[in-house]
């Protein structure tokens, strides 16, 4: 289902549904969870969705972000509380710069990267916004312009 969602998103962004063999996106990444949440759940559902999106789009899946600290679940918080709670929580992963450098030369040569950010549920947009901000900062030191798009499993 996430592959179908990604294809529909690409159609909308291209303003057509041509059967191009190349993806609209250059990179797929996802919203990370804290190590505490990983121990609790045993998996990161956003990562599982991102794996499939990357496979369908035939683009690299890069783990570009990590959480700087654990937070309580966002679902019971107000929009204001979410924004405050998520401020500065997402940072580049320890090897994010190396992952970006390892991209094929033709992707980096474009001077513009289209990044697809995957999350499980979109409620207020606070998480996606915080991740997008961290991704923009990651690429700020390069001469590569980034466009960040998000795809979520559900909207609440």
N, C-alpha and C. Protein backbone atom coordinates (compact mmCIF):
# COMPACT_ATOMS: atom_id res chain seq x y z
N UNK A 1 0.81 -1.20 0.00
CA UNK A 1 0.00 0.00 0.00
C UNK A 1 0.86 1.27 0.00
N UNK A 2 1.97 1.24 0.71
CA UNK A 2 2.81 2.43 0.73
C UNK A 2 3.45 2.66 -0.64
N UNK A 3 3.73 1.59 -1.35
CA UNK A 3 4.25 1.73 -2.71
C UNK A 3 3.24 2.41 -3.63
N UNK A 4 1.97 2.02 -3.50
CA UNK A 4 0.92 2.66 -4.29
C UNK A 4 0.79 4.13 -3.91
N UNK A 5 0.87 4.43 -2.63
CA UNK A 5 0.80 5.82 -2.18
C UNK A 5 1.95 6.65 -2.72
N UNK A 6 3.12 6.05 -2.75
CA UNK A 6 4.28 6.75 -3.29
C UNK A 6 4.11 7.03 -4.79
N UNK A 7 3.61 6.04 -5.51
CA UNK A 7 3.39 6.22 -6.95
C UNK A 7 2.36 7.32 -7.21
N UNK A 8 1.28 7.36 -6.41
CA UNK A 8 0.27 8.42 -6.57
C UNK A 8 0.87 9.78 -6.27
N UNK A 9 1.70 9.86 -5.24
CA UNK A 9 2.36 11.11 -4.90
C UNK A 9 3.25 11.57 -6.05
N UNK A 10 4.02 10.65 -6.61
CA UNK A 10 4.87 10.99 -7.75
C UNK A 10 4.04 11.51 -8.92
N UNK A 11 2.90 10.88 -9.19
CA UNK A 11 2.02 11.32 -10.28
C UNK A 11 1.57 12.76 -10.03
N UNK A 12 1.18 13.06 -8.82
CA UNK A 12 0.72 14.41 -8.50
C UNK A 12 1.85 15.42 -8.64
N UNK A 13 3.04 15.07 -8.19
CA UNK A 13 4.16 16.00 -8.24
C UNK A 13 4.65 16.23 -9.67
N UNK A 14 4.57 15.20 -10.49
CA UNK A 14 4.97 15.32 -11.89
C UNK A 14 3.85 15.89 -12.75
N UNK A 15 2.66 15.96 -12.20
CA UNK A 15 1.46 16.40 -12.92
C UNK A 15 1.11 15.45 -14.05
N UNK A 16 1.61 14.25 -13.98
CA UNK A 16 1.24 13.21 -14.93
C UNK A 16 1.63 11.86 -14.33
N UNK A 17 1.09 10.81 -14.90
CA UNK A 17 1.41 9.47 -14.41
C UNK A 17 2.15 8.68 -15.47
N UNK A 18 3.13 9.31 -16.08
CA UNK A 18 3.91 8.61 -17.08
C UNK A 18 4.63 7.44 -16.43
N UNK A 19 4.97 6.47 -17.18
CA UNK A 19 5.63 5.28 -16.64
C UNK A 19 7.14 5.41 -16.70
N UNK A 20 7.63 6.53 -16.16
CA UNK A 20 9.08 6.72 -16.12
C UNK A 20 9.70 5.65 -15.23
N UNK A 21 10.87 5.20 -15.64
CA UNK A 21 11.55 4.17 -14.86
C UNK A 21 12.29 4.75 -13.67
N UNK A 22 12.54 6.05 -13.71
CA UNK A 22 13.24 6.67 -12.58
C UNK A 22 12.23 7.30 -11.64
N UNK A 23 12.56 7.27 -10.39
CA UNK A 23 11.69 7.83 -9.37
C UNK A 23 11.80 9.34 -9.35
N UNK A 24 10.77 9.99 -8.91
CA UNK A 24 10.78 11.44 -8.68
C UNK A 24 11.74 11.75 -7.53
N UNK A 25 11.85 10.82 -6.59
CA UNK A 25 12.66 11.03 -5.40
C UNK A 25 14.07 10.46 -5.56
N UNK A 26 15.01 11.08 -4.86
CA UNK A 26 16.40 10.63 -4.88
C UNK A 26 16.76 9.81 -3.64
N UNK A 27 16.08 10.10 -2.54
CA UNK A 27 16.37 9.47 -1.26
C UNK A 27 15.05 9.22 -0.53
N UNK A 28 14.99 8.11 0.18
CA UNK A 28 13.89 7.87 1.11
C UNK A 28 14.51 7.80 2.50
N UNK A 29 13.88 8.47 3.45
CA UNK A 29 14.29 8.38 4.85
C UNK A 29 13.03 8.32 5.69
N UNK A 30 13.18 8.24 6.98
CA UNK A 30 12.01 8.04 7.83
C UNK A 30 12.20 8.69 9.19
N UNK A 31 11.10 8.82 9.90
CA UNK A 31 11.11 9.38 11.25
C UNK A 31 11.65 8.32 12.21
N UNK A 32 12.71 8.64 12.93
CA UNK A 32 13.28 7.66 13.86
C UNK A 32 12.49 7.62 15.16
N UNK A 33 12.61 6.50 15.85
CA UNK A 33 12.04 6.39 17.19
C UNK A 33 13.19 6.28 18.19
N UNK A 34 12.90 6.54 19.44
CA UNK A 34 13.94 6.47 20.47
C UNK A 34 14.27 5.00 20.78
N UNK A 35 15.42 4.80 21.39
CA UNK A 35 15.80 3.43 21.74
C UNK A 35 14.82 2.84 22.76
N UNK A 36 14.26 3.69 23.62
CA UNK A 36 13.26 3.22 24.58
C UNK A 36 12.02 2.70 23.87
N UNK A 37 11.57 3.46 22.87
CA UNK A 37 10.39 3.05 22.10
C UNK A 37 10.68 1.79 21.29
N UNK A 38 11.90 1.67 20.79
CA UNK A 38 12.29 0.47 20.04
C UNK A 38 12.24 -0.75 20.94
N UNK A 39 12.71 -0.62 22.16
CA UNK A 39 12.65 -1.74 23.11
C UNK A 39 11.20 -2.10 23.44
N UNK A 40 10.37 -1.09 23.53
CA UNK A 40 8.96 -1.31 23.85
C UNK A 40 8.23 -2.02 22.71
N UNK A 41 8.44 -1.56 21.47
CA UNK A 41 7.72 -2.09 20.31
C UNK A 41 8.43 -3.24 19.62
N UNK A 42 9.74 -3.11 19.53
CA UNK A 42 10.51 -4.10 18.80
C UNK A 42 10.69 -3.78 17.33
N UNK A 43 10.11 -2.70 16.87
CA UNK A 43 10.25 -2.29 15.47
C UNK A 43 9.88 -0.81 15.34
N UNK A 44 10.30 -0.21 14.24
CA UNK A 44 9.92 1.16 13.91
C UNK A 44 9.01 1.07 12.68
N UNK A 45 7.73 1.34 12.87
CA UNK A 45 6.79 1.19 11.78
C UNK A 45 7.09 2.15 10.62
N UNK A 46 7.61 3.35 10.90
CA UNK A 46 7.96 4.27 9.81
C UNK A 46 9.10 3.69 8.98
N UNK A 47 10.04 3.02 9.63
CA UNK A 47 11.14 2.40 8.89
C UNK A 47 10.63 1.28 7.98
N UNK A 48 9.72 0.47 8.50
CA UNK A 48 9.16 -0.61 7.68
C UNK A 48 8.46 -0.05 6.43
N UNK A 49 7.73 1.04 6.60
CA UNK A 49 7.08 1.68 5.46
C UNK A 49 8.12 2.25 4.49
N UNK A 50 9.18 2.83 5.04
CA UNK A 50 10.22 3.43 4.20
C UNK A 50 10.98 2.37 3.40
N UNK A 51 11.20 1.22 3.98
CA UNK A 51 11.87 0.13 3.26
C UNK A 51 11.08 -0.21 1.99
N UNK A 52 9.78 -0.32 2.12
CA UNK A 52 8.94 -0.65 0.96
C UNK A 52 8.92 0.49 -0.05
N UNK A 53 8.83 1.74 0.42
CA UNK A 53 8.83 2.88 -0.49
C UNK A 53 10.14 2.93 -1.29
N UNK A 54 11.24 2.71 -0.62
CA UNK A 54 12.54 2.72 -1.30
C UNK A 54 12.63 1.59 -2.32
N UNK A 55 12.09 0.43 -1.97
CA UNK A 55 12.11 -0.71 -2.89
C UNK A 55 11.28 -0.41 -4.12
N UNK A 56 10.07 0.08 -3.93
CA UNK A 56 9.19 0.38 -5.06
C UNK A 56 9.77 1.49 -5.93
N UNK A 57 10.33 2.51 -5.29
CA UNK A 57 10.89 3.62 -6.05
C UNK A 57 12.29 3.38 -6.58
N UNK A 58 12.90 2.29 -6.14
CA UNK A 58 14.27 1.96 -6.54
C UNK A 58 15.23 3.10 -6.23
N UNK A 59 15.09 3.61 -5.01
CA UNK A 59 15.97 4.69 -4.54
C UNK A 59 16.58 4.27 -3.21
N UNK A 60 17.70 4.88 -2.85
CA UNK A 60 18.36 4.49 -1.60
C UNK A 60 17.53 4.87 -0.37
N UNK A 61 17.54 3.99 0.60
CA UNK A 61 16.96 4.26 1.91
C UNK A 61 18.12 4.65 2.81
N UNK A 62 18.09 5.88 3.29
CA UNK A 62 19.15 6.37 4.17
C UNK A 62 18.58 6.68 5.54
N UNK A 63 19.29 6.27 6.55
CA UNK A 63 18.90 6.55 7.93
C UNK A 63 19.59 7.84 8.34
N UNK A 64 18.99 8.97 7.97
CA UNK A 64 19.64 10.27 8.12
C UNK A 64 19.40 10.94 9.46
N UNK A 65 18.37 10.51 10.18
CA UNK A 65 18.01 11.19 11.42
C UNK A 65 18.05 10.26 12.62
N UNK A 66 18.21 10.86 13.78
CA UNK A 66 18.07 10.15 15.04
C UNK A 66 17.44 11.11 16.04
N UNK A 67 16.92 10.55 17.10
CA UNK A 67 16.35 11.37 18.17
C UNK A 67 17.45 11.72 19.16
N UNK A 68 17.44 12.95 19.62
CA UNK A 68 18.44 13.37 20.60
C UNK A 68 18.03 12.96 22.01
N UNK A 69 16.73 12.67 22.19
CA UNK A 69 16.24 12.25 23.50
C UNK A 69 14.89 11.55 23.31
N UNK A 70 14.49 10.84 24.33
CA UNK A 70 13.20 10.15 24.33
C UNK A 70 12.10 11.15 24.69
N UNK A 71 10.93 10.98 24.09
CA UNK A 71 9.77 11.79 24.46
C UNK A 71 8.60 10.85 24.73
N UNK A 72 7.65 11.34 25.51
CA UNK A 72 6.42 10.60 25.70
C UNK A 72 5.67 10.57 24.37
N UNK A 73 4.72 9.67 24.25
CA UNK A 73 3.93 9.58 23.02
C UNK A 73 3.25 10.90 22.74
N UNK A 74 3.25 11.29 21.48
CA UNK A 74 2.71 12.58 21.07
C UNK A 74 1.19 12.58 20.98
N UNK A 75 0.58 11.40 20.88
CA UNK A 75 -0.85 11.30 20.59
C UNK A 75 -1.74 11.96 21.63
N UNK A 76 -1.28 12.07 22.86
CA UNK A 76 -2.14 12.65 23.91
C UNK A 76 -1.84 14.13 24.16
N UNK A 77 -0.99 14.74 23.33
CA UNK A 77 -0.58 16.12 23.55
C UNK A 77 -1.27 17.08 22.60
N UNK A 78 -1.37 18.32 23.04
CA UNK A 78 -1.93 19.37 22.18
C UNK A 78 -0.89 19.76 21.13
N UNK A 79 -1.33 20.49 20.14
CA UNK A 79 -0.41 20.96 19.09
C UNK A 79 0.74 21.76 19.70
N UNK A 80 0.42 22.67 20.61
CA UNK A 80 1.45 23.49 21.24
C UNK A 80 2.44 22.62 22.01
N UNK A 81 1.94 21.65 22.76
CA UNK A 81 2.81 20.75 23.51
C UNK A 81 3.71 19.94 22.57
N UNK A 82 3.15 19.51 21.45
CA UNK A 82 3.94 18.73 20.49
C UNK A 82 5.09 19.56 19.92
N UNK A 83 4.77 20.79 19.53
CA UNK A 83 5.79 21.66 18.96
C UNK A 83 6.90 21.89 19.97
N UNK A 84 6.54 22.18 21.21
CA UNK A 84 7.53 22.41 22.25
C UNK A 84 8.34 21.14 22.53
N UNK A 85 7.66 20.01 22.58
CA UNK A 85 8.31 18.74 22.89
C UNK A 85 9.28 18.31 21.80
N UNK A 86 8.95 18.62 20.56
CA UNK A 86 9.77 18.15 19.44
C UNK A 86 10.87 19.13 19.04
N UNK A 87 10.91 20.30 19.66
CA UNK A 87 11.93 21.28 19.28
C UNK A 87 13.32 20.70 19.50
N UNK A 88 14.10 20.62 18.44
CA UNK A 88 15.47 20.16 18.51
C UNK A 88 15.65 18.68 18.78
N UNK A 89 14.58 17.92 18.73
CA UNK A 89 14.68 16.49 19.07
C UNK A 89 15.32 15.67 17.96
N UNK A 90 15.12 16.06 16.71
CA UNK A 90 15.70 15.30 15.60
C UNK A 90 17.01 15.94 15.17
N UNK A 91 18.02 15.10 15.08
CA UNK A 91 19.35 15.55 14.67
C UNK A 91 19.87 14.56 13.62
N UNK A 92 20.87 14.98 12.85
CA UNK A 92 21.45 14.03 11.89
C UNK A 92 22.00 12.79 12.60
N UNK A 93 21.82 11.64 11.98
CA UNK A 93 22.39 10.41 12.54
C UNK A 93 23.91 10.53 12.54
N UNK A 94 24.55 9.71 13.34
CA UNK A 94 26.00 9.79 13.49
C UNK A 94 26.75 9.68 12.16
N UNK A 95 26.21 8.91 11.24
CA UNK A 95 26.90 8.73 9.96
C UNK A 95 26.13 9.36 8.78
N UNK A 96 25.29 10.33 9.06
CA UNK A 96 24.47 10.94 8.00
C UNK A 96 25.32 11.56 6.89
N UNK A 97 26.36 12.28 7.28
CA UNK A 97 27.20 12.92 6.26
C UNK A 97 27.88 11.88 5.38
N UNK A 98 28.34 10.78 5.97
CA UNK A 98 28.98 9.73 5.18
C UNK A 98 27.97 9.07 4.24
N UNK A 99 26.74 8.87 4.73
CA UNK A 99 25.71 8.29 3.87
C UNK A 99 25.43 9.18 2.67
N UNK A 100 25.35 10.48 2.90
CA UNK A 100 25.09 11.42 1.81
C UNK A 100 26.26 11.42 0.83
N UNK A 101 27.47 11.42 1.34
CA UNK A 101 28.64 11.41 0.47
C UNK A 101 28.72 10.14 -0.37
N UNK A 102 28.16 9.04 0.15
CA UNK A 102 28.25 7.77 -0.57
C UNK A 102 27.23 7.65 -1.69
N UNK A 103 26.34 8.63 -1.80
CA UNK A 103 25.37 8.58 -2.89
C UNK A 103 26.09 8.59 -4.23
N UNK A 104 25.46 7.98 -5.19
CA UNK A 104 26.05 7.97 -6.52
C UNK A 104 26.33 9.40 -6.98
N UNK A 105 27.39 9.55 -7.73
CA UNK A 105 27.81 10.87 -8.20
C UNK A 105 26.70 11.55 -9.00
N UNK A 106 25.97 10.80 -9.82
CA UNK A 106 24.94 11.43 -10.65
C UNK A 106 23.79 11.99 -9.81
N UNK A 107 23.54 11.44 -8.63
CA UNK A 107 22.50 12.00 -7.76
C UNK A 107 22.99 13.31 -7.17
N UNK A 108 24.21 13.34 -6.67
CA UNK A 108 24.73 14.56 -6.07
C UNK A 108 25.02 15.63 -7.11
N UNK A 109 25.31 15.24 -8.32
CA UNK A 109 25.60 16.19 -9.38
C UNK A 109 24.38 17.05 -9.74
N UNK A 110 23.22 16.57 -9.38
CA UNK A 110 21.99 17.27 -9.72
C UNK A 110 21.87 18.62 -9.04
N UNK A 111 22.59 18.82 -7.96
CA UNK A 111 22.53 20.04 -7.17
C UNK A 111 21.17 20.24 -6.51
N UNK A 112 20.33 19.22 -6.59
CA UNK A 112 19.03 19.28 -5.94
C UNK A 112 18.61 17.86 -5.62
N UNK A 113 18.30 17.63 -4.36
CA UNK A 113 17.85 16.30 -3.95
C UNK A 113 16.40 16.38 -3.52
N UNK A 114 15.63 15.43 -3.99
CA UNK A 114 14.24 15.31 -3.58
C UNK A 114 14.19 14.16 -2.57
N UNK A 115 13.86 14.50 -1.34
CA UNK A 115 13.86 13.55 -0.25
C UNK A 115 12.43 13.20 0.13
N UNK A 116 12.15 11.92 0.23
CA UNK A 116 10.84 11.47 0.70
C UNK A 116 10.99 11.03 2.15
N UNK A 117 10.28 11.71 3.04
CA UNK A 117 10.29 11.44 4.46
C UNK A 117 9.04 10.64 4.82
N UNK A 118 9.23 9.48 5.40
CA UNK A 118 8.12 8.58 5.73
C UNK A 118 7.83 8.63 7.23
N UNK A 119 6.56 8.73 7.57
CA UNK A 119 6.10 8.61 8.95
C UNK A 119 4.84 7.76 8.96
N UNK A 120 4.46 7.28 10.13
CA UNK A 120 3.28 6.42 10.18
C UNK A 120 1.99 7.22 10.23
N UNK A 121 1.88 8.20 11.13
CA UNK A 121 0.62 8.95 11.28
C UNK A 121 0.90 10.45 11.27
N UNK A 122 0.11 11.17 10.52
CA UNK A 122 0.18 12.63 10.47
C UNK A 122 -0.99 13.17 11.27
N UNK A 123 -0.68 13.92 12.33
CA UNK A 123 -1.74 14.51 13.14
C UNK A 123 -1.70 16.03 12.99
N UNK A 124 -0.65 16.65 13.53
CA UNK A 124 -0.54 18.11 13.43
C UNK A 124 0.54 18.55 12.46
N UNK A 125 1.39 17.63 12.06
CA UNK A 125 2.51 17.97 11.19
C UNK A 125 3.77 18.35 11.95
N UNK A 126 3.70 18.35 13.27
CA UNK A 126 4.85 18.75 14.09
C UNK A 126 6.06 17.85 13.88
N UNK A 127 5.83 16.55 13.82
CA UNK A 127 6.94 15.61 13.65
C UNK A 127 7.58 15.77 12.29
N UNK A 128 6.77 15.82 11.25
CA UNK A 128 7.30 15.99 9.90
C UNK A 128 8.06 17.31 9.79
N UNK A 129 7.50 18.37 10.36
CA UNK A 129 8.15 19.67 10.32
C UNK A 129 9.51 19.65 11.04
N UNK A 130 9.56 19.02 12.20
CA UNK A 130 10.81 18.95 12.95
C UNK A 130 11.86 18.13 12.19
N UNK A 131 11.44 17.05 11.57
CA UNK A 131 12.37 16.23 10.77
C UNK A 131 12.85 16.99 9.55
N UNK A 132 11.95 17.67 8.87
CA UNK A 132 12.32 18.44 7.68
C UNK A 132 13.33 19.53 8.05
N UNK A 133 13.13 20.16 9.17
CA UNK A 133 14.07 21.18 9.63
C UNK A 133 15.46 20.57 9.84
N UNK A 134 15.53 19.42 10.49
CA UNK A 134 16.81 18.75 10.73
C UNK A 134 17.47 18.33 9.41
N UNK A 135 16.67 17.87 8.45
CA UNK A 135 17.23 17.48 7.15
C UNK A 135 17.76 18.70 6.40
N UNK A 136 17.04 19.81 6.46
CA UNK A 136 17.52 21.05 5.82
C UNK A 136 18.86 21.47 6.43
N UNK A 137 18.97 21.38 7.74
CA UNK A 137 20.23 21.74 8.39
C UNK A 137 21.36 20.81 8.00
N UNK A 138 21.06 19.54 7.83
CA UNK A 138 22.07 18.57 7.41
C UNK A 138 22.67 18.96 6.07
N UNK A 139 21.83 19.39 5.15
CA UNK A 139 22.30 19.72 3.80
C UNK A 139 22.72 21.17 3.65
N UNK A 140 22.57 21.98 4.69
CA UNK A 140 22.90 23.40 4.61
C UNK A 140 24.36 23.64 4.30
N UNK A 141 25.23 22.77 4.75
CA UNK A 141 26.67 22.97 4.54
C UNK A 141 27.11 22.55 3.13
N UNK A 142 26.23 21.93 2.39
CA UNK A 142 26.57 21.53 1.03
C UNK A 142 25.97 22.55 0.06
N UNK A 143 26.32 22.43 -1.19
CA UNK A 143 25.71 23.30 -2.19
C UNK A 143 24.53 22.60 -2.88
N UNK A 144 24.00 21.59 -2.20
CA UNK A 144 22.89 20.82 -2.73
C UNK A 144 21.59 21.35 -2.13
N UNK A 145 20.68 21.77 -2.98
CA UNK A 145 19.37 22.22 -2.54
C UNK A 145 18.52 20.98 -2.26
N UNK A 146 17.72 21.04 -1.22
CA UNK A 146 16.87 19.91 -0.89
C UNK A 146 15.41 20.30 -0.95
N UNK A 147 14.63 19.40 -1.49
CA UNK A 147 13.18 19.50 -1.44
C UNK A 147 12.72 18.28 -0.64
N UNK A 148 11.92 18.53 0.39
CA UNK A 148 11.51 17.44 1.28
C UNK A 148 10.00 17.25 1.16
N UNK A 149 9.62 16.03 0.88
CA UNK A 149 8.22 15.64 0.74
C UNK A 149 7.93 14.60 1.81
N UNK A 150 6.70 14.55 2.27
CA UNK A 150 6.38 13.53 3.27
C UNK A 150 5.24 12.64 2.78
N UNK A 151 5.30 11.42 3.23
CA UNK A 151 4.26 10.43 2.95
C UNK A 151 3.99 9.71 4.26
N UNK A 152 2.74 9.68 4.65
CA UNK A 152 2.37 9.01 5.89
C UNK A 152 1.34 7.94 5.61
N UNK A 153 1.29 6.99 6.50
CA UNK A 153 0.38 5.87 6.38
C UNK A 153 -1.06 6.31 6.63
N UNK A 154 -1.24 7.19 7.62
CA UNK A 154 -2.58 7.60 8.00
C UNK A 154 -2.59 9.04 8.47
N UNK A 155 -3.76 9.60 8.51
CA UNK A 155 -3.98 10.95 9.04
C UNK A 155 -5.00 10.83 10.16
N UNK A 156 -4.68 11.44 11.32
CA UNK A 156 -5.65 11.37 12.41
C UNK A 156 -6.24 12.72 12.71
